[in-house]
Amino acid sequence: DTGPTLDFGAGQGSLSMEITALGGEVVAFEPYGNPALPELG
C-alpha cells in the first residue's frame, strides 16, 4: 500500500517475485538478471 518498490541489484529476483506475490508494484534493476523474470510478471 505504500507505493512502488525498486529492487536494486535484483539478482535472481527472489525479492521482486515476493513483492509481486504480495500484491506490490516492483521494478527489478539488474543488468545481468534472471531472464525469466519478465515471464513471471
PDB file of all heavy atoms in Angstrom:
ATOM      1  N   ASP A   1       0.800  -1.227   0.000  1.00  0.00           N
ATOM      2  CA  ASP A   1       0.000   0.000   0.000  1.00  0.00           C
ATOM      3  C   ASP A   1       0.834   1.279   0.000  1.00  0.00           C
ATOM      4  O   ASP A   1       0.319   2.349  -0.303  1.00  0.00           O
ATOM      5  CB  ASP A   1      -0.927   0.029   1.215  1.00  0.00           C
ATOM      6  CG  ASP A   1      -1.911  -1.124   1.223  1.00  0.00           C
ATOM      7  OD1 ASP A   1      -2.232  -1.645   0.132  1.00  0.00           O
ATOM      8  OD2 ASP A   1      -2.343  -1.520   2.316  1.00  0.00           O
ATOM      9  N   THR A   2       2.123   1.175   0.372  1.00  0.00           N
ATOM     10  CA  THR A   2       2.932   2.393   0.490  1.00  0.00           C
ATOM     11  C   THR A   2       3.419   2.911  -0.862  1.00  0.00           C
ATOM     12  O   THR A   2       3.861   4.046  -0.959  1.00  0.00           O
ATOM     13  CB  THR A   2       4.150   2.175   1.413  1.00  0.00           C
ATOM     14  OG1 THR A   2       4.938   1.104   0.905  1.00  0.00           O
ATOM     15  CG2 THR A   2       3.720   1.910   2.831  1.00  0.00           C
ATOM     16  N   GLY A   3       3.354   2.088  -1.894  1.00  0.00           N
ATOM     17  CA  GLY A   3       3.766   2.534  -3.224  1.00  0.00           C
ATOM     18  C   GLY A   3       4.779   1.607  -3.849  1.00  0.00           C
ATOM     19  O   GLY A   3       5.134   0.576  -3.282  1.00  0.00           O
ATOM     20  N   PRO A   4       5.245   1.973  -5.032  1.00  0.00           N
ATOM     21  CA  PRO A   4       6.134   1.081  -5.782  1.00  0.00           C
ATOM     22  C   PRO A   4       7.499   0.895  -5.111  1.00  0.00           C
ATOM     23  O   PRO A   4       7.977   1.763  -4.387  1.00  0.00           O
ATOM     24  CB  PRO A   4       6.277   1.773  -7.132  1.00  0.00           C
ATOM     25  CG  PRO A   4       5.908   3.185  -6.909  1.00  0.00           C
ATOM     26  CD  PRO A   4       4.958   3.206  -5.749  1.00  0.00           C
ATOM     27  N   THR A   5       8.094  -0.266  -5.391  1.00  0.00           N
ATOM     28  CA  THR A   5       9.393  -0.630  -4.844  1.00  0.00           C
ATOM     29  C   THR A   5      10.376  -0.867  -5.982  1.00  0.00           C
ATOM     30  O   THR A   5      10.039  -1.508  -6.973  1.00  0.00           O
ATOM     31  CB  THR A   5       9.280  -1.915  -3.991  1.00  0.00           C
ATOM     32  OG1 THR A   5       8.360  -1.686  -2.927  1.00  0.00           O
ATOM     33  CG2 THR A   5      10.618  -2.332  -3.417  1.00  0.00           C
ATOM     34  N   LEU A   6      11.592  -0.375  -5.805  1.00  0.00           N
ATOM     35  CA  LEU A   6      12.689  -0.678  -6.714  1.00  0.00           C
ATOM     36  C   LEU A   6      13.588  -1.687  -6.021  1.00  0.00           C
ATOM     37  O   LEU A   6      14.082  -1.437  -4.923  1.00  0.00           O
ATOM     38  CB  LEU A   6      13.483   0.588  -7.062  1.00  0.00           C
ATOM     39  CG  LEU A   6      14.734   0.386  -7.919  1.00  0.00           C
ATOM     40  CD1 LEU A   6      14.376  -0.195  -9.290  1.00  0.00           C
ATOM     41  CD2 LEU A   6      15.497   1.698  -8.076  1.00  0.00           C
ATOM     42  N   ASP A   7      13.775  -2.837  -6.648  1.00  0.00           N
ATOM     43  CA  ASP A   7      14.679  -3.875  -6.153  1.00  0.00           C
ATOM     44  C   ASP A   7      15.988  -3.672  -6.910  1.00  0.00           C
ATOM     45  O   ASP A   7      16.162  -4.147  -8.021  1.00  0.00           O
ATOM     46  CB  ASP A   7      14.065  -5.253  -6.429  1.00  0.00           C
ATOM     47  CG  ASP A   7      14.935  -6.410  -5.950  1.00  0.00           C
ATOM     48  OD1 ASP A   7      15.990  -6.174  -5.334  1.00  0.00           O
ATOM     49  OD2 ASP A   7      14.535  -7.565  -6.215  1.00  0.00           O
ATOM     50  N   PHE A   8      16.909  -2.915  -6.308  1.00  0.00           N
ATOM     51  CA  PHE A   8      18.152  -2.539  -6.979  1.00  0.00           C
ATOM     52  C   PHE A   8      19.199  -3.628  -6.802  1.00  0.00           C
ATOM     53  O   PHE A   8      19.622  -3.917  -5.690  1.00  0.00           O
ATOM     54  CB  PHE A   8      18.681  -1.206  -6.441  1.00  0.00           C
ATOM     55  CG  PHE A   8      19.910  -0.739  -7.150  1.00  0.00           C
ATOM     56  CD1 PHE A   8      19.816  -0.151  -8.404  1.00  0.00           C
ATOM     57  CD2 PHE A   8      21.159  -0.904  -6.585  1.00  0.00           C
ATOM     58  CE1 PHE A   8      20.948   0.264  -9.077  1.00  0.00           C
ATOM     59  CE2 PHE A   8      22.289  -0.492  -7.246  1.00  0.00           C
ATOM     60  CZ  PHE A   8      22.192   0.097  -8.501  1.00  0.00           C
ATOM     61  N   GLY A   9      19.607  -4.227  -7.913  1.00  0.00           N
ATOM     62  CA  GLY A   9      20.512  -5.372  -7.857  1.00  0.00           C
ATOM     63  C   GLY A   9      19.712  -6.621  -7.555  1.00  0.00           C
ATOM     64  O   GLY A   9      19.987  -7.362  -6.627  1.00  0.00           O
ATOM     65  N   ALA A  10      18.690  -6.843  -8.346  1.00  0.00           N
ATOM     66  CA  ALA A  10      17.684  -7.874  -8.065  1.00  0.00           C
ATOM     67  C   ALA A  10      18.221  -9.302  -8.085  1.00  0.00           C
ATOM     68  O   ALA A  10      17.572 -10.203  -7.568  1.00  0.00           O
ATOM     69  CB  ALA A  10      16.521  -7.744  -9.055  1.00  0.00           C
ATOM     70  N   GLY A  11      19.374  -9.523  -8.687  1.00  0.00           N
ATOM     71  CA  GLY A  11      19.936 -10.871  -8.699  1.00  0.00           C
ATOM     72  C   GLY A  11      19.004 -11.869  -9.356  1.00  0.00           C
ATOM     73  O   GLY A  11      18.492 -11.632 -10.451  1.00  0.00           O
ATOM     74  N   GLN A  12      18.733 -12.960  -8.676  1.00  0.00           N
ATOM     75  CA  GLN A  12      17.856 -13.999  -9.205  1.00  0.00           C
ATOM     76  C   GLN A  12      16.390 -13.571  -9.194  1.00  0.00           C
ATOM     77  O   GLN A  12      15.552 -14.202  -9.816  1.00  0.00           O
ATOM     78  CB  GLN A  12      18.011 -15.291  -8.395  1.00  0.00           C
ATOM     79  CG  GLN A  12      19.407 -15.880  -8.442  1.00  0.00           C
ATOM     80  CD  GLN A  12      19.732 -16.484  -9.783  1.00  0.00           C
ATOM     81  OE1 GLN A  12      18.850 -16.859 -10.553  1.00  0.00           O
ATOM     82  NE2 GLN A  12      21.009 -16.584 -10.095  1.00  0.00           N
ATOM     83  N   GLY A  13      16.072 -12.509  -8.448  1.00  0.00           N
ATOM     84  CA  GLY A  13      14.717 -11.969  -8.461  1.00  0.00           C
ATOM     85  C   GLY A  13      13.819 -12.415  -7.325  1.00  0.00           C
ATOM     86  O   GLY A  13      12.613 -12.160  -7.362  1.00  0.00           O
ATOM     87  N   SER A  14      14.364 -13.043  -6.301  1.00  0.00           N
ATOM     88  CA  SER A  14      13.525 -13.543  -5.200  1.00  0.00           C
ATOM     89  C   SER A  14      12.753 -12.438  -4.509  1.00  0.00           C
ATOM     90  O   SER A  14      11.559 -12.591  -4.230  1.00  0.00           O
ATOM     91  CB  SER A  14      14.381 -14.295  -4.178  1.00  0.00           C
ATOM     92  OG  SER A  14      14.942 -15.443  -4.761  1.00  0.00           O
ATOM     93  N   LEU A  15      13.404 -11.312  -4.236  1.00  0.00           N
ATOM     94  CA  LEU A  15      12.715 -10.213  -3.575  1.00  0.00           C
ATOM     95  C   LEU A  15      11.625  -9.656  -4.485  1.00  0.00           C
ATOM     96  O   LEU A  15      10.493  -9.430  -4.047  1.00  0.00           O
ATOM     97  CB  LEU A  15      13.709  -9.114  -3.187  1.00  0.00           C
ATOM     98  CG  LEU A  15      13.103  -7.909  -2.460  1.00  0.00           C
ATOM     99  CD1 LEU A  15      12.536  -8.310  -1.099  1.00  0.00           C
ATOM    100  CD2 LEU A  15      14.141  -6.806  -2.302  1.00  0.00           C
ATOM    101  N   SER A  16      11.930  -9.457  -5.756  1.00  0.00           N
ATOM    102  CA  SER A  16      10.938  -8.939  -6.705  1.00  0.00           C
ATOM    103  C   SER A  16       9.742  -9.879  -6.827  1.00  0.00           C
ATOM    104  O   SER A  16       8.590  -9.422  -6.851  1.00  0.00           O
ATOM    105  CB  SER A  16      11.568  -8.743  -8.090  1.00  0.00           C
ATOM    106  OG  SER A  16      12.494  -7.693  -8.073  1.00  0.00           O
ATOM    107  N   MET A  17      10.011 -11.176  -6.903  1.00  0.00           N
ATOM    108  CA  MET A  17       8.910 -12.139  -7.018  1.00  0.00           C
ATOM    109  C   MET A  17       8.052 -12.147  -5.761  1.00  0.00           C
ATOM    110  O   MET A  17       6.833 -12.279  -5.834  1.00  0.00           O
ATOM    111  CB  MET A  17       9.448 -13.526  -7.338  1.00  0.00           C
ATOM    112  CG  MET A  17       9.980 -13.638  -8.763  1.00  0.00           C
ATOM    113  SD  MET A  17      10.495 -15.304  -9.224  1.00  0.00           S
ATOM    114  CE  MET A  17      12.049 -15.450  -8.357  1.00  0.00           C
ATOM    115  N   GLU A  18       8.689 -11.984  -4.598  1.00  0.00           N
ATOM    116  CA  GLU A  18       7.919 -11.973  -3.346  1.00  0.00           C
ATOM    117  C   GLU A  18       7.065 -10.715  -3.255  1.00  0.00           C
ATOM    118  O   GLU A  18       5.908 -10.777  -2.859  1.00  0.00           O
ATOM    119  CB  GLU A  18       8.866 -12.083  -2.145  1.00  0.00           C
ATOM    120  CG  GLU A  18       8.167 -12.402  -0.862  1.00  0.00           C
ATOM    121  CD  GLU A  18       7.354 -13.692  -0.892  1.00  0.00           C
ATOM    122  OE1 GLU A  18       7.701 -14.651  -1.608  1.00  0.00           O
ATOM    123  OE2 GLU A  18       6.325 -13.738  -0.177  1.00  0.00           O
ATOM    124  N   ILE A  19       7.616  -9.580  -3.667  1.00  0.00           N
ATOM    125  CA  ILE A  19       6.832  -8.336  -3.675  1.00  0.00           C
ATOM    126  C   ILE A  19       5.626  -8.485  -4.605  1.00  0.00           C
ATOM    127  O   ILE A  19       4.507  -8.101  -4.261  1.00  0.00           O
ATOM    128  CB  ILE A  19       7.720  -7.137  -4.067  1.00  0.00           C
ATOM    129  CG1 ILE A  19       8.703  -6.833  -2.929  1.00  0.00           C
ATOM    130  CG2 ILE A  19       6.882  -5.918  -4.420  1.00  0.00           C
ATOM    131  CD1 ILE A  19       9.797  -5.847  -3.301  1.00  0.00           C
ATOM    132  N   THR A  20       5.849  -9.061  -5.775  1.00  0.00           N
ATOM    133  CA  THR A  20       4.759  -9.294  -6.725  1.00  0.00           C
ATOM    134  C   THR A  20       3.700 -10.210  -6.119  1.00  0.00           C
ATOM    135  O   THR A  20       2.508  -9.941  -6.217  1.00  0.00           O
ATOM    136  CB  THR A  20       5.312  -9.887  -8.041  1.00  0.00           C
ATOM    137  OG1 THR A  20       6.237  -8.958  -8.606  1.00  0.00           O
ATOM    138  CG2 THR A  20       4.215 -10.175  -9.029  1.00  0.00           C
ATOM    139  N   ALA A  21       4.140 -11.295  -5.462  1.00  0.00           N
ATOM    140  CA  ALA A  21       3.206 -12.242  -4.848  1.00  0.00           C
ATOM    141  C   ALA A  21       2.380 -11.581  -3.736  1.00  0.00           C
ATOM    142  O   ALA A  21       1.242 -11.980  -3.496  1.00  0.00           O
ATOM    143  CB  ALA A  21       3.968 -13.441  -4.288  1.00  0.00           C
ATOM    144  N   LEU A  22       2.950 -10.568  -3.092  1.00  0.00           N
ATOM    145  CA  LEU A  22       2.245  -9.870  -2.016  1.00  0.00           C
ATOM    146  C   LEU A  22       1.402  -8.707  -2.541  1.00  0.00           C
ATOM    147  O   LEU A  22       0.843  -7.939  -1.761  1.00  0.00           O
ATOM    148  CB  LEU A  22       3.257  -9.359  -0.976  1.00  0.00           C
ATOM    149  CG  LEU A  22       3.983 -10.447  -0.192  1.00  0.00           C
ATOM    150  CD1 LEU A  22       5.130  -9.854   0.624  1.00  0.00           C
ATOM    151  CD2 LEU A  22       3.018 -11.208   0.705  1.00  0.00           C
ATOM    152  N   GLY A  23       1.305  -8.589  -3.868  1.00  0.00           N
ATOM    153  CA  GLY A  23       0.452  -7.571  -4.470  1.00  0.00           C
ATOM    154  C   GLY A  23       1.108  -6.222  -4.668  1.00  0.00           C
ATOM    155  O   GLY A  23       0.430  -5.234  -4.954  1.00  0.00           O
ATOM    156  N   GLY A  24       2.425  -6.169  -4.530  1.00  0.00           N
ATOM    157  CA  GLY A  24       3.123  -4.901  -4.687  1.00  0.00           C
ATOM    158  C   GLY A  24       3.570  -4.644  -6.114  1.00  0.00           C
ATOM    159  O   GLY A  24       3.703  -5.560  -6.918  1.00  0.00           O
ATOM    160  N   GLU A  25       3.789  -3.365  -6.403  1.00  0.00           N
ATOM    161  CA  GLU A  25       4.360  -2.965  -7.687  1.00  0.00           C
ATOM    162  C   GLU A  25       5.873  -2.921  -7.501  1.00  0.00           C
ATOM    163  O   GLU A  25       6.378  -2.271  -6.578  1.00  0.00           O
ATOM    164  CB  GLU A  25       3.849  -1.583  -8.086  1.00  0.00           C
ATOM    165  CG  GLU A  25       4.458  -1.069  -9.376  1.00  0.00           C
ATOM    166  CD  GLU A  25       4.125   0.383  -9.669  1.00  0.00           C
ATOM    167  OE1 GLU A  25       3.187   0.939  -9.059  1.00  0.00           O
ATOM    168  OE2 GLU A  25       4.823   0.967 -10.511  1.00  0.00           O
ATOM    169  N   VAL A  26       6.593  -3.613  -8.369  1.00  0.00           N
ATOM    170  CA  VAL A  26       8.051  -3.668  -8.233  1.00  0.00           C
ATOM    171  C   VAL A  26       8.708  -3.528  -9.593  1.00  0.00           C
ATOM    172  O   VAL A  26       8.162  -3.968 -10.611  1.00  0.00           O
ATOM    173  CB  VAL A  26       8.504  -4.981  -7.536  1.00  0.00           C
ATOM    174  CG1 VAL A  26       8.195  -6.204  -8.382  1.00  0.00           C
ATOM    175  CG2 VAL A  26       9.983  -4.942  -7.177  1.00  0.00           C
ATOM    176  N   VAL A  27       9.867  -2.901  -9.579  1.00  0.00           N
ATOM    177  CA  VAL A  27      10.751  -2.870 -10.736  1.00  0.00           C
ATOM    178  C   VAL A  27      12.064  -3.491 -10.276  1.00  0.00           C
ATOM    179  O   VAL A  27      12.624  -3.081  -9.258  1.00  0.00           O
ATOM    180  CB  VAL A  27      10.984  -1.433 -11.251  1.00  0.00           C
ATOM    181  CG1 VAL A  27      12.017  -1.428 -12.375  1.00  0.00           C
ATOM    182  CG2 VAL A  27       9.679  -0.804 -11.709  1.00  0.00           C
ATOM    183  N   ALA A  28      12.534  -4.480 -11.016  1.00  0.00           N
ATOM    184  CA  ALA A  28      13.803  -5.136 -10.710  1.00  0.00           C
ATOM    185  C   ALA A  28      14.896  -4.470 -11.550  1.00  0.00           C
ATOM    186  O   ALA A  28      14.828  -4.477 -12.772  1.00  0.00           O
ATOM    187  CB  ALA A  28      13.724  -6.623 -11.019  1.00  0.00           C
ATOM    188  N   PHE A  29      15.879  -3.888 -10.889  1.00  0.00           N
ATOM    189  CA  PHE A  29      17.026  -3.298 -11.575  1.00  0.00           C
ATOM    190  C   PHE A  29      18.142  -4.323 -11.520  1.00  0.00           C
ATOM    191  O   PHE A  29      18.658  -4.629 -10.457  1.00  0.00           O
ATOM    192  CB  PHE A  29      17.449  -2.007 -10.870  1.00  0.00           C
ATOM    193  CG  PHE A  29      18.498  -1.215 -11.595  1.00  0.00           C
ATOM    194  CD1 PHE A  29      18.186   0.012 -12.124  1.00  0.00           C
ATOM    195  CD2 PHE A  29      19.784  -1.683 -11.732  1.00  0.00           C
ATOM    196  CE1 PHE A  29      19.136   0.778 -12.790  1.00  0.00           C
ATOM    197  CE2 PHE A  29      20.755  -0.941 -12.396  1.00  0.00           C
ATOM    198  CZ  PHE A  29      20.428   0.295 -12.926  1.00  0.00           C
ATOM    199  N   GLU A  30      18.483  -4.880 -12.668  1.00  0.00           N
ATOM    200  CA  GLU A  30      19.512  -5.918 -12.703  1.00  0.00           C
ATOM    201  C   GLU A  30      20.121  -5.972 -14.099  1.00  0.00           C
ATOM    202  O   GLU A  30      19.469  -6.411 -15.040  1.00  0.00           O
ATOM    203  CB  GLU A  30      18.915  -7.280 -12.324  1.00  0.00           C
ATOM    204  CG  GLU A  30      19.889  -8.426 -12.360  1.00  0.00           C
ATOM    205  CD  GLU A  30      21.125  -8.204 -11.515  1.00  0.00           C
ATOM    206  OE1 GLU A  30      21.007  -8.049 -10.291  1.00  0.00           O
ATOM    207  OE2 GLU A  30      22.231  -8.184 -12.098  1.00  0.00           O
ATOM    208  N   PRO A  31      21.369  -5.530 -14.247  1.00  0.00           N
ATOM    209  CA  PRO A  31      21.995  -5.534 -15.570  1.00  0.00           C
ATOM    210  C   PRO A  31      22.186  -6.931 -16.166  1.00  0.00           C
ATOM    211  O   PRO A  31      22.233  -7.079 -17.377  1.00  0.00           O
ATOM    212  CB  PRO A  31      23.356  -4.877 -15.333  1.00  0.00           C
ATOM    213  CG  PRO A  31      23.254  -4.182 -14.031  1.00  0.00           C
ATOM    214  CD  PRO A  31      22.193  -4.888 -13.244  1.00  0.00           C
ATOM    215  N   TYR A  32      22.293  -7.944 -15.319  1.00  0.00           N
ATOM    216  CA  TYR A  32      22.609  -9.285 -15.816  1.00  0.00           C
ATOM    217  C   TYR A  32      21.444 -10.235 -15.677  1.00  0.00           C
ATOM    218  O   TYR A  32      21.402 -11.251 -16.328  1.00  0.00           O
ATOM    219  CB  TYR A  32      23.841  -9.825 -15.071  1.00  0.00           C
ATOM    220  CG  TYR A  32      24.941  -8.810 -15.079  1.00  0.00           C
ATOM    221  CD1 TYR A  32      25.163  -7.990 -13.985  1.00  0.00           C
ATOM    222  CD2 TYR A  32      25.709  -8.606 -16.219  1.00  0.00           C
ATOM    223  CE1 TYR A  32      26.148  -7.017 -14.018  1.00  0.00           C
ATOM    224  CE2 TYR A  32      26.687  -7.632 -16.258  1.00  0.00           C
ATOM    225  CZ  TYR A  32      26.900  -6.847 -15.152  1.00  0.00           C
ATOM    226  OH  TYR A  32      27.852  -5.873 -15.192  1.00  0.00           O
ATOM    227  N   GLY A  33      20.529  -9.929 -14.829  1.00  0.00           N
ATOM    228  CA  GLY A  33      19.353 -10.588 -14.371  1.00  0.00           C
ATOM    229  C   GLY A  33      18.842 -11.899 -14.903  1.00  0.00           C
ATOM    230  O   GLY A  33      19.230 -12.387 -15.933  1.00  0.00           O
ATOM    231  N   ASN A  34      17.971 -12.424 -14.131  1.00  0.00           N
ATOM    232  CA  ASN A  34      17.273 -13.666 -14.408  1.00  0.00           C
ATOM    233  C   ASN A  34      16.361 -13.432 -15.620  1.00  0.00           C
ATOM    234  O   ASN A  34      15.399 -12.686 -15.536  1.00  0.00           O
ATOM    235  CB  ASN A  34      16.453 -14.048 -13.170  1.00  0.00           C
ATOM    236  CG  ASN A  34      15.682 -15.323 -13.322  1.00  0.00           C
ATOM    237  OD1 ASN A  34      15.514 -15.832 -14.427  1.00  0.00           O
ATOM    238  ND2 ASN A  34      15.192 -15.833 -12.215  1.00  0.00           N
ATOM    239  N   PRO A  35      16.640 -14.073 -16.753  1.00  0.00           N
ATOM    240  CA  PRO A  35      15.840 -13.820 -17.955  1.00  0.00           C
ATOM    241  C   PRO A  35      14.378 -14.241 -17.824  1.00  0.00           C
ATOM    242  O   PRO A  35      13.541 -13.813 -18.620  1.00  0.00           O
ATOM    243  CB  PRO A  35      16.558 -14.618 -19.042  1.00  0.00           C
ATOM    244  CG  PRO A  35      17.390 -15.609 -18.325  1.00  0.00           C
ATOM    245  CD  PRO A  35      17.688 -15.052 -16.972  1.00  0.00           C
ATOM    246  N   ALA A  36      14.046 -15.024 -16.821  1.00  0.00           N
ATOM    247  CA  ALA A  36      12.660 -15.476 -16.646  1.00  0.00           C
ATOM    248  C   ALA A  36      11.795 -14.462 -15.904  1.00  0.00           C
ATOM    249  O   ALA A  36      10.572 -14.604 -15.887  1.00  0.00           O
ATOM    250  CB  ALA A  36      12.644 -16.808 -15.898  1.00  0.00           C
ATOM    251  N   LEU A  37      12.380 -13.446 -15.308  1.00  0.00           N
ATOM    252  CA  LEU A  37      11.596 -12.506 -14.501  1.00  0.00           C
ATOM    253  C   LEU A  37      10.455 -11.850 -15.273  1.00  0.00           C
ATOM    254  O   LEU A  37       9.337 -11.799 -14.764  1.00  0.00           O
ATOM    255  CB  LEU A  37      12.498 -11.447 -13.863  1.00  0.00           C
ATOM    256  CG  LEU A  37      13.335 -11.932 -12.688  1.00  0.00           C
ATOM    257  CD1 LEU A  37      14.244 -10.811 -12.191  1.00  0.00           C
ATOM    258  CD2 LEU A  37      12.462 -12.439 -11.564  1.00  0.00           C
ATOM    259  N   PRO A  38      10.655 -11.339 -16.482  1.00  0.00           N
ATOM    260  CA  PRO A  38       9.513 -10.744 -17.198  1.00  0.00           C
ATOM    261  C   PRO A  38       8.376 -11.741 -17.425  1.00  0.00           C
ATOM    262  O   PRO A  38       7.202 -11.371 -17.352  1.00  0.00           O
ATOM    263  CB  PRO A  38      10.120 -10.277 -18.520  1.00  0.00           C
ATOM    264  CG  PRO A  38      11.568 -10.064 -18.212  1.00  0.00           C
ATOM    265  CD  PRO A  38      11.910 -11.128 -17.207  1.00  0.00           C
ATOM    266  N   GLU A  39       8.726 -12.997 -17.649  1.00  0.00           N
ATOM    267  CA  GLU A  39       7.702 -14.028 -17.835  1.00  0.00           C
ATOM    268  C   GLU A  39       6.916 -14.270 -16.548  1.00  0.00           C
ATOM    269  O   GLU A  39       5.792 -14.762 -16.588  1.00  0.00           O
ATOM    270  CB  GLU A  39       8.346 -15.335 -18.299  1.00  0.00           C
ATOM    271  CG  GLU A  39       9.029 -15.224 -19.647  1.00  0.00           C
ATOM    272  CD  GLU A  39       9.929 -16.423 -19.936  1.00  0.00           C
ATOM    273  OE1 GLU A  39       9.790 -17.465 -19.271  1.00  0.00           O
ATOM    274  OE2 GLU A  39      10.776 -16.290 -20.840  1.00  0.00           O
ATOM    275  N   LEU A  40       7.519 -13.912 -15.409  1.00  0.00           N
ATOM    276  CA  LEU A  40       6.871 -14.080 -14.109  1.00  0.00           C
ATOM    277  C   LEU A  40       6.141 -12.812 -13.673  1.00  0.00           C
ATOM    278  O   LEU A  40       5.693 -12.702 -12.544  1.00  0.00           O
ATOM    279  CB  LEU A  40       7.911 -14.477 -13.058  1.00  0.00           C
ATOM    280  CG  LEU A  40       8.621 -15.805 -13.325  1.00  0.00           C
ATOM    281  CD1 LEU A  40       9.794 -15.991 -12.371  1.00  0.00           C
ATOM    282  CD2 LEU A  40       7.645 -16.966 -13.203  1.00  0.00           C
ATOM    283  N   GLY A  41       6.047 -11.837 -14.577  1.00  0.00           N
ATOM    284  CA  GLY A  41       5.304 -10.620 -14.293  1.00  0.00           C
ATOM    285  C   GLY A  41       6.101  -9.522 -13.627  1.00  0.00           C
ATOM    286  O   GLY A  41       5.529  -8.577 -13.088  1.00  0.00           O
TER     287      GLY A  41
END
